[in-house]
mmCIF file of all heavy atoms, coordinates in Angstrom:
data_MODEL
# 
_entry.id   MODEL 
# 
loop_
_atom_site.group_PDB 
_atom_site.id 
_atom_site.type_symbol 
_atom_site.label_atom_id 
_atom_site.label_alt_id 
_atom_site.label_comp_id 
_atom_site.label_asym_id 
_atom_site.label_entity_id 
_atom_site.label_seq_id 
_atom_site.pdbx_PDB_ins_code 
_atom_site.Cartn_x 
_atom_site.Cartn_y 
_atom_site.Cartn_z 
_atom_site.occupancy 
_atom_site.B_iso_or_equiv 
_atom_site.pdbx_formal_charge 
_atom_site.auth_seq_id 
_atom_site.auth_comp_id 
_atom_site.auth_asym_id 
_atom_site.auth_atom_id 
_atom_site.pdbx_PDB_model_num 
ATOM 1   N N   . ARG A 1 1  ? 0.845  -1.215  0.003   1.00 0.00 ? 1  ARG A N   1 
ATOM 2   C CA  . ARG A 1 1  ? -0.001 -0.005  0.008   1.00 0.00 ? 1  ARG A CA  1 
ATOM 3   C C   . ARG A 1 1  ? 0.863  1.271   -0.001  1.00 0.00 ? 1  ARG A C   1 
ATOM 4   O O   . ARG A 1 1  ? 0.599  2.202   -0.745  1.00 0.00 ? 1  ARG A O   1 
ATOM 5   C CB  . ARG A 1 1  ? -0.928 -0.001  1.209   1.00 0.00 ? 1  ARG A CB  1 
ATOM 6   C CG  . ARG A 1 1  ? -2.116 -0.952  1.116   1.00 0.00 ? 1  ARG A CG  1 
ATOM 7   C CD  . ARG A 1 1  ? -3.201 -0.596  2.104   1.00 0.00 ? 1  ARG A CD  1 
ATOM 8   N NE  . ARG A 1 1  ? -2.690 -0.549  3.461   1.00 0.00 ? 1  ARG A NE  1 
ATOM 9   C CZ  . ARG A 1 1  ? -2.620 -1.608  4.295   1.00 0.00 ? 1  ARG A CZ  1 
ATOM 10  N NH1 . ARG A 1 1  ? -3.041 -2.764  3.852   1.00 0.00 ? 1  ARG A NH1 1 
ATOM 11  N NH2 . ARG A 1 1  ? -2.179 -1.462  5.517   1.00 0.00 ? 1  ARG A NH2 1 
ATOM 12  N N   . ALA A 1 2  ? 1.892  1.266   0.864   1.00 0.00 ? 2  ALA A N   1 
ATOM 13  C CA  . ALA A 1 2  ? 2.757  2.469   0.960   1.00 0.00 ? 2  ALA A CA  1 
ATOM 14  C C   . ALA A 1 2  ? 3.508  2.708   -0.357  1.00 0.00 ? 2  ALA A C   1 
ATOM 15  O O   . ALA A 1 2  ? 3.587  3.840   -0.827  1.00 0.00 ? 2  ALA A O   1 
ATOM 16  C CB  . ALA A 1 2  ? 3.732  2.311   2.125   1.00 0.00 ? 2  ALA A CB  1 
ATOM 17  N N   . LEU A 1 3  ? 4.037  1.649   -0.945  1.00 0.00 ? 3  LEU A N   1 
ATOM 18  C CA  . LEU A 1 3  ? 4.804  1.804   -2.175  1.00 0.00 ? 3  LEU A CA  1 
ATOM 19  C C   . LEU A 1 3  ? 3.920  2.299   -3.306  1.00 0.00 ? 3  LEU A C   1 
ATOM 20  O O   . LEU A 1 3  ? 4.304  3.224   -4.052  1.00 0.00 ? 3  LEU A O   1 
ATOM 21  C CB  . LEU A 1 3  ? 5.431  0.447   -2.579  1.00 0.00 ? 3  LEU A CB  1 
ATOM 22  C CG  . LEU A 1 3  ? 6.637  0.007   -1.733  1.00 0.00 ? 3  LEU A CG  1 
ATOM 23  C CD1 . LEU A 1 3  ? 6.856  -1.501  -1.845  1.00 0.00 ? 3  LEU A CD1 1 
ATOM 24  C CD2 . LEU A 1 3  ? 7.894  0.775   -2.148  1.00 0.00 ? 3  LEU A CD2 1 
ATOM 25  N N   . LEU A 1 4  ? 2.717  1.748   -3.457  1.00 0.00 ? 4  LEU A N   1 
ATOM 26  C CA  . LEU A 1 4  ? 1.837  2.156   -4.529  1.00 0.00 ? 4  LEU A CA  1 
ATOM 27  C C   . LEU A 1 4  ? 1.243  3.552   -4.284  1.00 0.00 ? 4  LEU A C   1 
ATOM 28  O O   . LEU A 1 4  ? 0.913  4.271   -5.237  1.00 0.00 ? 4  LEU A O   1 
ATOM 29  C CB  . LEU A 1 4  ? 0.714  1.132   -4.718  1.00 0.00 ? 4  LEU A CB  1 
ATOM 30  C CG  . LEU A 1 4  ? 1.185  -0.236  -5.222  1.00 0.00 ? 4  LEU A CG  1 
ATOM 31  C CD1 . LEU A 1 4  ? 0.017  -1.231  -5.254  1.00 0.00 ? 4  LEU A CD1 1 
ATOM 32  C CD2 . LEU A 1 4  ? 1.828  -0.130  -6.608  1.00 0.00 ? 4  LEU A CD2 1 
ATOM 33  N N   . GLU A 1 5  ? 1.134  3.920   -3.021  1.00 0.00 ? 5  GLU A N   1 
ATOM 34  C CA  . GLU A 1 5  ? 0.684  5.277   -2.691  1.00 0.00 ? 5  GLU A CA  1 
ATOM 35  C C   . GLU A 1 5  ? 1.710  6.302   -3.126  1.00 0.00 ? 5  GLU A C   1 
ATOM 36  O O   . GLU A 1 5  ? 1.380  7.369   -3.653  1.00 0.00 ? 5  GLU A O   1 
ATOM 37  C CB  . GLU A 1 5  ? 0.397  5.376   -1.200  1.00 0.00 ? 5  GLU A CB  1 
ATOM 38  C CG  . GLU A 1 5  ? -0.154 6.713   -0.748  1.00 0.00 ? 5  GLU A CG  1 
ATOM 39  C CD  . GLU A 1 5  ? -0.397 6.737   0.755   1.00 0.00 ? 5  GLU A CD  1 
ATOM 40  O OE1 . GLU A 1 5  ? -0.949 5.744   1.301   1.00 0.00 ? 5  GLU A OE1 1 
ATOM 41  O OE2 . GLU A 1 5  ? -0.036 7.748   1.369   1.00 0.00 ? 5  GLU A OE2 1 
ATOM 42  N N   . VAL A 1 6  ? 2.985  5.983   -2.880  1.00 0.00 ? 6  VAL A N   1 
ATOM 43  C CA  . VAL A 1 6  ? 4.060  6.897   -3.239  1.00 0.00 ? 6  VAL A CA  1 
ATOM 44  C C   . VAL A 1 6  ? 4.300  6.911   -4.752  1.00 0.00 ? 6  VAL A C   1 
ATOM 45  O O   . VAL A 1 6  ? 4.521  7.978   -5.363  1.00 0.00 ? 6  VAL A O   1 
ATOM 46  C CB  . VAL A 1 6  ? 5.378  6.501   -2.507  1.00 0.00 ? 6  VAL A CB  1 
ATOM 47  C CG1 . VAL A 1 6  ? 6.524  7.407   -2.934  1.00 0.00 ? 6  VAL A CG1 1 
ATOM 48  C CG2 . VAL A 1 6  ? 5.185  6.563   -0.998  1.00 0.00 ? 6  VAL A CG2 1 
ATOM 49  N N   . GLU A 1 7  ? 4.243  5.733   -5.376  1.00 0.00 ? 7  GLU A N   1 
ATOM 50  C CA  . GLU A 1 7  ? 4.519  5.625   -6.821  1.00 0.00 ? 7  GLU A CA  1 
ATOM 51  C C   . GLU A 1 7  ? 3.652  4.509   -7.412  1.00 0.00 ? 7  GLU A C   1 
ATOM 52  O O   . GLU A 1 7  ? 3.990  3.318   -7.339  1.00 0.00 ? 7  GLU A O   1 
ATOM 53  C CB  . GLU A 1 7  ? 6.013  5.343   -7.059  1.00 0.00 ? 7  GLU A CB  1 
ATOM 54  C CG  . GLU A 1 7  ? 6.388  5.182   -8.521  1.00 0.00 ? 7  GLU A CG  1 
ATOM 55  C CD  . GLU A 1 7  ? 5.803  6.285   -9.397  1.00 0.00 ? 7  GLU A CD  1 
ATOM 56  O OE1 . GLU A 1 7  ? 6.261  7.422   -9.312  1.00 0.00 ? 7  GLU A OE1 1 
ATOM 57  O OE2 . GLU A 1 7  ? 4.856  5.974   -10.165 1.00 0.00 ? 7  GLU A OE2 1 
ATOM 58  N N   . PRO A 1 8  ? 2.487  4.877   -8.006  1.00 0.00 ? 8  PRO A N   1 
ATOM 59  C CA  . PRO A 1 8  ? 1.527  3.865   -8.480  1.00 0.00 ? 8  PRO A CA  1 
ATOM 60  C C   . PRO A 1 8  ? 2.052  2.964   -9.605  1.00 0.00 ? 8  PRO A C   1 
ATOM 61  O O   . PRO A 1 8  ? 1.432  1.930   -9.875  1.00 0.00 ? 8  PRO A O   1 
ATOM 62  C CB  . PRO A 1 8  ? 0.353  4.723   -8.999  1.00 0.00 ? 8  PRO A CB  1 
ATOM 63  C CG  . PRO A 1 8  ? 0.504  6.044   -8.297  1.00 0.00 ? 8  PRO A CG  1 
ATOM 64  C CD  . PRO A 1 8  ? 1.947  6.251   -8.126  1.00 0.00 ? 8  PRO A CD  1 
ATOM 65  N N   . THR A 1 9  ? 3.175  3.338   -10.243 1.00 0.00 ? 9  THR A N   1 
ATOM 66  C CA  . THR A 1 9  ? 3.637  2.535   -11.387 1.00 0.00 ? 9  THR A CA  1 
ATOM 67  C C   . THR A 1 9  ? 4.570  1.394   -11.007 1.00 0.00 ? 9  THR A C   1 
ATOM 68  O O   . THR A 1 9  ? 4.943  0.588   -11.855 1.00 0.00 ? 9  THR A O   1 
ATOM 69  C CB  . THR A 1 9  ? 4.374  3.460   -12.397 1.00 0.00 ? 9  THR A CB  1 
ATOM 70  O OG1 . THR A 1 9  ? 5.560  3.957   -11.777 1.00 0.00 ? 9  THR A OG1 1 
ATOM 71  C CG2 . THR A 1 9  ? 3.505  4.599   -12.856 1.00 0.00 ? 9  THR A CG2 1 
ATOM 72  N N   . VAL A 1 10 ? 4.973  1.299   -9.738  1.00 0.00 ? 10 VAL A N   1 
ATOM 73  C CA  . VAL A 1 10 ? 5.898  0.231   -9.347  1.00 0.00 ? 10 VAL A CA  1 
ATOM 74  C C   . VAL A 1 10 ? 5.181  -1.111  -9.266  1.00 0.00 ? 10 VAL A C   1 
ATOM 75  O O   . VAL A 1 10 ? 3.973  -1.171  -9.078  1.00 0.00 ? 10 VAL A O   1 
ATOM 76  C CB  . VAL A 1 10 ? 6.613  0.495   -8.002  1.00 0.00 ? 10 VAL A CB  1 
ATOM 77  C CG1 . VAL A 1 10 ? 7.441  1.789   -8.068  1.00 0.00 ? 10 VAL A CG1 1 
ATOM 78  C CG2 . VAL A 1 10 ? 5.623  0.562   -6.837  1.00 0.00 ? 10 VAL A CG2 1 
ATOM 79  N N   . GLN A 1 11 ? 5.957  -2.177  -9.438  1.00 0.00 ? 11 GLN A N   1 
ATOM 80  C CA  . GLN A 1 11 ? 5.450  -3.541  -9.197  1.00 0.00 ? 11 GLN A CA  1 
ATOM 81  C C   . GLN A 1 11 ? 6.068  -4.052  -7.892  1.00 0.00 ? 11 GLN A C   1 
ATOM 82  O O   . GLN A 1 11 ? 7.243  -3.801  -7.608  1.00 0.00 ? 11 GLN A O   1 
ATOM 83  C CB  . GLN A 1 11 ? 5.807  -4.448  -10.363 1.00 0.00 ? 11 GLN A CB  1 
ATOM 84  C CG  . GLN A 1 11 ? 5.088  -4.094  -11.655 1.00 0.00 ? 11 GLN A CG  1 
ATOM 85  C CD  . GLN A 1 11 ? 5.500  -5.017  -12.792 1.00 0.00 ? 11 GLN A CD  1 
ATOM 86  O OE1 . GLN A 1 11 ? 6.540  -4.808  -13.436 1.00 0.00 ? 11 GLN A OE1 1 
ATOM 87  N NE2 . GLN A 1 11 ? 4.718  -6.054  -13.051 1.00 0.00 ? 11 GLN A NE2 1 
ATOM 88  N N   . VAL A 1 12 ? 5.237  -4.715  -7.107  1.00 0.00 ? 12 VAL A N   1 
ATOM 89  C CA  . VAL A 1 12 ? 5.646  -5.126  -5.761  1.00 0.00 ? 12 VAL A CA  1 
ATOM 90  C C   . VAL A 1 12 ? 5.379  -6.607  -5.547  1.00 0.00 ? 12 VAL A C   1 
ATOM 91  O O   . VAL A 1 12 ? 4.310  -7.120  -5.856  1.00 0.00 ? 12 VAL A O   1 
ATOM 92  C CB  . VAL A 1 12 ? 4.878  -4.318  -4.679  1.00 0.00 ? 12 VAL A CB  1 
ATOM 93  C CG1 . VAL A 1 12 ? 5.374  -4.680  -3.295  1.00 0.00 ? 12 VAL A CG1 1 
ATOM 94  C CG2 . VAL A 1 12 ? 5.009  -2.824  -4.924  1.00 0.00 ? 12 VAL A CG2 1 
ATOM 95  N N   . TRP A 1 13 ? 6.396  -7.302  -5.027  1.00 0.00 ? 13 TRP A N   1 
ATOM 96  C CA  . TRP A 1 13 ? 6.248  -8.708  -4.633  1.00 0.00 ? 13 TRP A CA  1 
ATOM 97  C C   . TRP A 1 13 ? 6.716  -8.838  -3.189  1.00 0.00 ? 13 TRP A C   1 
ATOM 98  O O   . TRP A 1 13 ? 7.792  -8.348  -2.825  1.00 0.00 ? 13 TRP A O   1 
ATOM 99  C CB  . TRP A 1 13 ? 7.084  -9.613  -5.539  1.00 0.00 ? 13 TRP A CB  1 
ATOM 100 C CG  . TRP A 1 13 ? 6.615  -9.621  -6.950  1.00 0.00 ? 13 TRP A CG  1 
ATOM 101 C CD1 . TRP A 1 13 ? 5.679  -10.427 -7.525  1.00 0.00 ? 13 TRP A CD1 1 
ATOM 102 C CD2 . TRP A 1 13 ? 7.079  -8.761  -8.002  1.00 0.00 ? 13 TRP A CD2 1 
ATOM 103 N NE1 . TRP A 1 13 ? 5.506  -10.126 -8.843  1.00 0.00 ? 13 TRP A NE1 1 
ATOM 104 C CE2 . TRP A 1 13 ? 6.377  -9.105  -9.186  1.00 0.00 ? 13 TRP A CE2 1 
ATOM 105 C CE3 . TRP A 1 13 ? 8.036  -7.748  -8.085  1.00 0.00 ? 13 TRP A CE3 1 
ATOM 106 C CZ2 . TRP A 1 13 ? 6.580  -8.486  -10.395 1.00 0.00 ? 13 TRP A CZ2 1 
ATOM 107 C CZ3 . TRP A 1 13 ? 8.259  -7.094  -9.294  1.00 0.00 ? 13 TRP A CZ3 1 
ATOM 108 C CH2 . TRP A 1 13 ? 7.521  -7.448  -10.432 1.00 0.00 ? 13 TRP A CH2 1 
ATOM 109 N N   . GLN A 1 14 ? 5.908  -9.510  -2.364  1.00 0.00 ? 14 GLN A N   1 
ATOM 110 C CA  . GLN A 1 14 ? 6.225  -9.666  -0.965  1.00 0.00 ? 14 GLN A CA  1 
ATOM 111 C C   . GLN A 1 14 ? 6.440  -11.137 -0.624  1.00 0.00 ? 14 GLN A C   1 
ATOM 112 O O   . GLN A 1 14 ? 5.717  -12.011 -1.149  1.00 0.00 ? 14 GLN A O   1 
ATOM 113 C CB  . GLN A 1 14 ? 5.085  -9.133  -0.082  1.00 0.00 ? 14 GLN A CB  1 
ATOM 114 C CG  . GLN A 1 14 ? 4.768  -7.662  -0.299  1.00 0.00 ? 14 GLN A CG  1 
ATOM 115 C CD  . GLN A 1 14 ? 3.552  -7.226  0.492   1.00 0.00 ? 14 GLN A CD  1 
ATOM 116 O OE1 . GLN A 1 14 ? 3.655  -6.515  1.459   1.00 0.00 ? 14 GLN A OE1 1 
ATOM 117 N NE2 . GLN A 1 14 ? 2.371  -7.678  0.063   1.00 0.00 ? 14 GLN A NE2 1 
ATOM 118 N N   . VAL A 1 15 ? 7.384  -11.410 0.253   1.00 0.00 ? 15 VAL A N   1 
ATOM 119 C CA  . VAL A 1 15 ? 7.639  -12.795 0.705   1.00 0.00 ? 15 VAL A CA  1 
ATOM 120 C C   . VAL A 1 15 ? 7.655  -12.807 2.244   1.00 0.00 ? 15 VAL A C   1 
ATOM 121 O O   . VAL A 1 15 ? 8.348  -11.984 2.873   1.00 0.00 ? 15 VAL A O   1 
ATOM 122 C CB  . VAL A 1 15 ? 8.967  -13.330 0.147   1.00 0.00 ? 15 VAL A CB  1 
ATOM 123 C CG1 . VAL A 1 15 ? 9.285  -14.698 0.776   1.00 0.00 ? 15 VAL A CG1 1 
ATOM 124 C CG2 . VAL A 1 15 ? 8.920  -13.426 -1.358  1.00 0.00 ? 15 VAL A CG2 1 
ATOM 125 N N   . SER A 1 16 ? 6.895  -13.723 2.784   1.00 0.00 ? 16 SER A N   1 
ATOM 126 C CA  . SER A 1 16 ? 6.891  -13.935 4.222   1.00 0.00 ? 16 SER A CA  1 
ATOM 127 C C   . SER A 1 16 ? 8.078  -14.816 4.621   1.00 0.00 ? 16 SER A C   1 
ATOM 128 O O   . SER A 1 16 ? 8.301  -15.857 4.007   1.00 0.00 ? 16 SER A O   1 
ATOM 129 C CB  . SER A 1 16 ? 5.576  -14.615 4.629   1.00 0.00 ? 16 SER A CB  1 
ATOM 130 O OG  . SER A 1 16 ? 5.618  -15.025 5.960   1.00 0.00 ? 16 SER A OG  1 
ATOM 131 N N   . CYS A 1 17 ? 8.842  -14.379 5.629   1.00 0.00 ? 17 CYS A N   1 
ATOM 132 C CA  . CYS A 1 17 ? 10.072 -15.079 6.035   1.00 0.00 ? 17 CYS A CA  1 
ATOM 133 C C   . CYS A 1 17 ? 10.051 -15.430 7.518   1.00 0.00 ? 17 CYS A C   1 
ATOM 134 O O   . CYS A 1 17 ? 10.783 -14.840 8.321   1.00 0.00 ? 17 CYS A O   1 
ATOM 135 C CB  . CYS A 1 17 ? 11.277 -14.221 5.712   1.00 0.00 ? 17 CYS A CB  1 
ATOM 136 S SG  . CYS A 1 17 ? 11.369 -13.610 4.019   1.00 0.00 ? 17 CYS A SG  1 
ATOM 137 N N   . PRO A 1 18 ? 9.191  -16.379 7.919   1.00 0.00 ? 18 PRO A N   1 
ATOM 138 C CA  . PRO A 1 18 ? 9.012  -16.629 9.347   1.00 0.00 ? 18 PRO A CA  1 
ATOM 139 C C   . PRO A 1 18 ? 10.225 -17.114 10.091  1.00 0.00 ? 18 PRO A C   1 
ATOM 140 O O   . PRO A 1 18 ? 10.349 -16.906 11.306  1.00 0.00 ? 18 PRO A O   1 
ATOM 141 C CB  . PRO A 1 18 ? 7.893  -17.684 9.357   1.00 0.00 ? 18 PRO A CB  1 
ATOM 142 C CG  . PRO A 1 18 ? 7.941  -18.315 7.996   1.00 0.00 ? 18 PRO A CG  1 
ATOM 143 C CD  . PRO A 1 18 ? 8.355  -17.228 7.079   1.00 0.00 ? 18 PRO A CD  1 
ATOM 144 N N   . GLU A 1 19 ? 11.205 -17.721 9.400   1.00 0.00 ? 19 GLU A N   1 
ATOM 145 C CA  . GLU A 1 19 ? 12.348 -18.302 10.131  1.00 0.00 ? 19 GLU A CA  1 
ATOM 146 C C   . GLU A 1 19 ? 13.485 -17.304 10.361  1.00 0.00 ? 19 GLU A C   1 
ATOM 147 O O   . GLU A 1 19 ? 14.387 -17.572 11.169  1.00 0.00 ? 19 GLU A O   1 
ATOM 148 C CB  . GLU A 1 19 ? 12.899 -19.508 9.359   1.00 0.00 ? 19 GLU A CB  1 
ATOM 149 C CG  . GLU A 1 19 ? 11.968 -20.717 9.366   1.00 0.00 ? 19 GLU A CG  1 
ATOM 150 C CD  . GLU A 1 19 ? 12.692 -22.010 9.006   1.00 0.00 ? 19 GLU A CD  1 
ATOM 151 O OE1 . GLU A 1 19 ? 13.573 -22.416 9.781   1.00 0.00 ? 19 GLU A OE1 1 
ATOM 152 O OE2 . GLU A 1 19 ? 12.366 -22.568 7.963   1.00 0.00 ? 19 GLU A OE2 1 
ATOM 153 N N   . PHE A 1 20 ? 13.473 -16.169 9.692   1.00 0.00 ? 20 PHE A N   1 
ATOM 154 C CA  . PHE A 1 20 ? 14.609 -15.260 9.771   1.00 0.00 ? 20 PHE A CA  1 
ATOM 155 C C   . PHE A 1 20 ? 14.844 -14.702 11.195  1.00 0.00 ? 20 PHE A C   1 
ATOM 156 O O   . PHE A 1 20 ? 15.961 -14.693 11.683  1.00 0.00 ? 20 PHE A O   1 
ATOM 157 C CB  . PHE A 1 20 ? 14.459 -14.106 8.783   1.00 0.00 ? 20 PHE A CB  1 
ATOM 158 C CG  . PHE A 1 20 ? 15.006 -14.400 7.396   1.00 0.00 ? 20 PHE A CG  1 
ATOM 159 C CD1 . PHE A 1 20 ? 14.767 -13.527 6.352   1.00 0.00 ? 20 PHE A CD1 1 
ATOM 160 C CD2 . PHE A 1 20 ? 15.762 -15.525 7.158   1.00 0.00 ? 20 PHE A CD2 1 
ATOM 161 C CE1 . PHE A 1 20 ? 15.267 -13.775 5.062   1.00 0.00 ? 20 PHE A CE1 1 
ATOM 162 C CE2 . PHE A 1 20 ? 16.279 -15.797 5.884   1.00 0.00 ? 20 PHE A CE2 1 
ATOM 163 C CZ  . PHE A 1 20 ? 16.025 -14.920 4.859   1.00 0.00 ? 20 PHE A CZ  1 
ATOM 164 N N   . VAL A 1 21 ? 13.802 -14.199 11.819  1.00 0.00 ? 21 VAL A N   1 
ATOM 165 C CA  . VAL A 1 21 ? 13.968 -13.615 13.168  1.00 0.00 ? 21 VAL A CA  1 
ATOM 166 C C   . VAL A 1 21 ? 14.470 -14.625 14.175  1.00 0.00 ? 21 VAL A C   1 
ATOM 167 O O   . VAL A 1 21 ? 15.456 -14.360 14.868  1.00 0.00 ? 21 VAL A O   1 
ATOM 168 C CB  . VAL A 1 21 ? 12.666 -12.905 13.648  1.00 0.00 ? 21 VAL A CB  1 
ATOM 169 C CG1 . VAL A 1 21 ? 12.797 -12.517 15.135  1.00 0.00 ? 21 VAL A CG1 1 
ATOM 170 C CG2 . VAL A 1 21 ? 12.390 -11.681 12.813  1.00 0.00 ? 21 VAL A CG2 1 
ATOM 171 N N   . PRO A 1 22 ? 13.889 -15.827 14.267  1.00 0.00 ? 22 PRO A N   1 
ATOM 172 C CA  . PRO A 1 22 ? 14.438 -16.808 15.197  1.00 0.00 ? 22 PRO A CA  1 
ATOM 173 C C   . PRO A 1 22 ? 15.904 -17.161 14.892  1.00 0.00 ? 22 PRO A C   1 
ATOM 174 O O   . PRO A 1 22 ? 16.698 -17.337 15.816  1.00 0.00 ? 22 PRO A O   1 
ATOM 175 C CB  . PRO A 1 22 ? 13.543 -18.038 15.014  1.00 0.00 ? 22 PRO A CB  1 
ATOM 176 C CG  . PRO A 1 22 ? 12.239 -17.463 14.542  1.00 0.00 ? 22 PRO A CG  1 
ATOM 177 C CD  . PRO A 1 22 ? 12.603 -16.301 13.676  1.00 0.00 ? 22 PRO A CD  1 
ATOM 178 N N   . LEU A 1 23 ? 16.273 -17.242 13.601  1.00 0.00 ? 23 LEU A N   1 
ATOM 179 C CA  . LEU A 1 23 ? 17.650 -17.578 13.246  1.00 0.00 ? 23 LEU A CA  1 
ATOM 180 C C   . LEU A 1 23 ? 18.628 -16.462 13.719  1.00 0.00 ? 23 LEU A C   1 
ATOM 181 O O   . LEU A 1 23 ? 19.715 -16.753 14.214  1.00 0.00 ? 23 LEU A O   1 
ATOM 182 C CB  . LEU A 1 23 ? 17.778 -17.782 11.737  1.00 0.00 ? 23 LEU A CB  1 
ATOM 183 C CG  . LEU A 1 23 ? 17.202 -19.108 11.212  1.00 0.00 ? 23 LEU A CG  1 
ATOM 184 C CD1 . LEU A 1 23 ? 17.130 -19.097 9.692   1.00 0.00 ? 23 LEU A CD1 1 
ATOM 185 C CD2 . LEU A 1 23 ? 18.018 -20.297 11.697  1.00 0.00 ? 23 LEU A CD2 1 
ATOM 186 N N   . VAL A 1 24 ? 18.207 -15.211 13.567  1.00 0.00 ? 24 VAL A N   1 
ATOM 187 C CA  . VAL A 1 24 ? 19.055 -14.096 14.034  1.00 0.00 ? 24 VAL A CA  1 
ATOM 188 C C   . VAL A 1 24 ? 19.139 -14.103 15.556  1.00 0.00 ? 24 VAL A C   1 
ATOM 189 O O   . VAL A 1 24 ? 20.216 -13.981 16.137  1.00 0.00 ? 24 VAL A O   1 
ATOM 190 C CB  . VAL A 1 24 ? 18.493 -12.748 13.535  1.00 0.00 ? 24 VAL A CB  1 
ATOM 191 C CG1 . VAL A 1 24 ? 19.232 -11.585 14.215  1.00 0.00 ? 24 VAL A CG1 1 
ATOM 192 C CG2 . VAL A 1 24 ? 18.624 -12.643 12.031  1.00 0.00 ? 24 VAL A CG2 1 
ATOM 193 N N   . GLU A 1 25 ? 17.987 -14.270 16.210  1.00 0.00 ? 25 GLU A N   1 
ATOM 194 C CA  . GLU A 1 25 ? 17.977 -14.231 17.684  1.00 0.00 ? 25 GLU A CA  1 
ATOM 195 C C   . GLU A 1 25 ? 18.720 -15.416 18.290  1.00 0.00 ? 25 GLU A C   1 
ATOM 196 O O   . GLU A 1 25 ? 19.205 -15.350 19.424  1.00 0.00 ? 25 GLU A O   1 
ATOM 197 C CB  . GLU A 1 25 ? 16.528 -14.201 18.205  1.00 0.00 ? 25 GLU A CB  1 
ATOM 198 C CG  . GLU A 1 25 ? 15.776 -12.910 17.898  1.00 0.00 ? 25 GLU A CG  1 
ATOM 199 C CD  . GLU A 1 25 ? 16.231 -11.746 18.775  1.00 0.00 ? 25 GLU A CD  1 
ATOM 200 O OE1 . GLU A 1 25 ? 16.815 -11.996 19.855  1.00 0.00 ? 25 GLU A OE1 1 
ATOM 201 O OE2 . GLU A 1 25 ? 16.025 -10.591 18.373  1.00 0.00 ? 25 GLU A OE2 1 
ATOM 202 N N   . GLN A 1 26 ? 18.841 -16.532 17.541  1.00 0.00 ? 26 GLN A N   1 
ATOM 203 C CA  . GLN A 1 26 ? 19.601 -17.693 18.011  1.00 0.00 ? 26 GLN A CA  1 
ATOM 204 C C   . GLN A 1 26 ? 21.063 -17.638 17.553  1.00 0.00 ? 26 GLN A C   1 
ATOM 205 O O   . GLN A 1 26 ? 21.809 -18.587 17.776  1.00 0.00 ? 26 GLN A O   1 
ATOM 206 C CB  . GLN A 1 26 ? 18.951 -18.975 17.514  1.00 0.00 ? 26 GLN A CB  1 
ATOM 207 C CG  . GLN A 1 26 ? 17.556 -19.227 18.102  1.00 0.00 ? 26 GLN A CG  1 
ATOM 208 C CD  . GLN A 1 26 ? 16.762 -20.237 17.292  1.00 0.00 ? 26 GLN A CD  1 
ATOM 209 O OE1 . GLN A 1 26 ? 17.297 -20.989 16.485  1.00 0.00 ? 26 GLN A OE1 1 
ATOM 210 N NE2 . GLN A 1 26 ? 15.438 -20.229 17.496  1.00 0.00 ? 26 GLN A NE2 1 
# 
């Protein structure tokens, strides 16, 4: 939403990364 609000012409892909935070914290 924020990216398209600032610049409607961009294309956006999102990836959920559930393991990253535990790996950093460990």
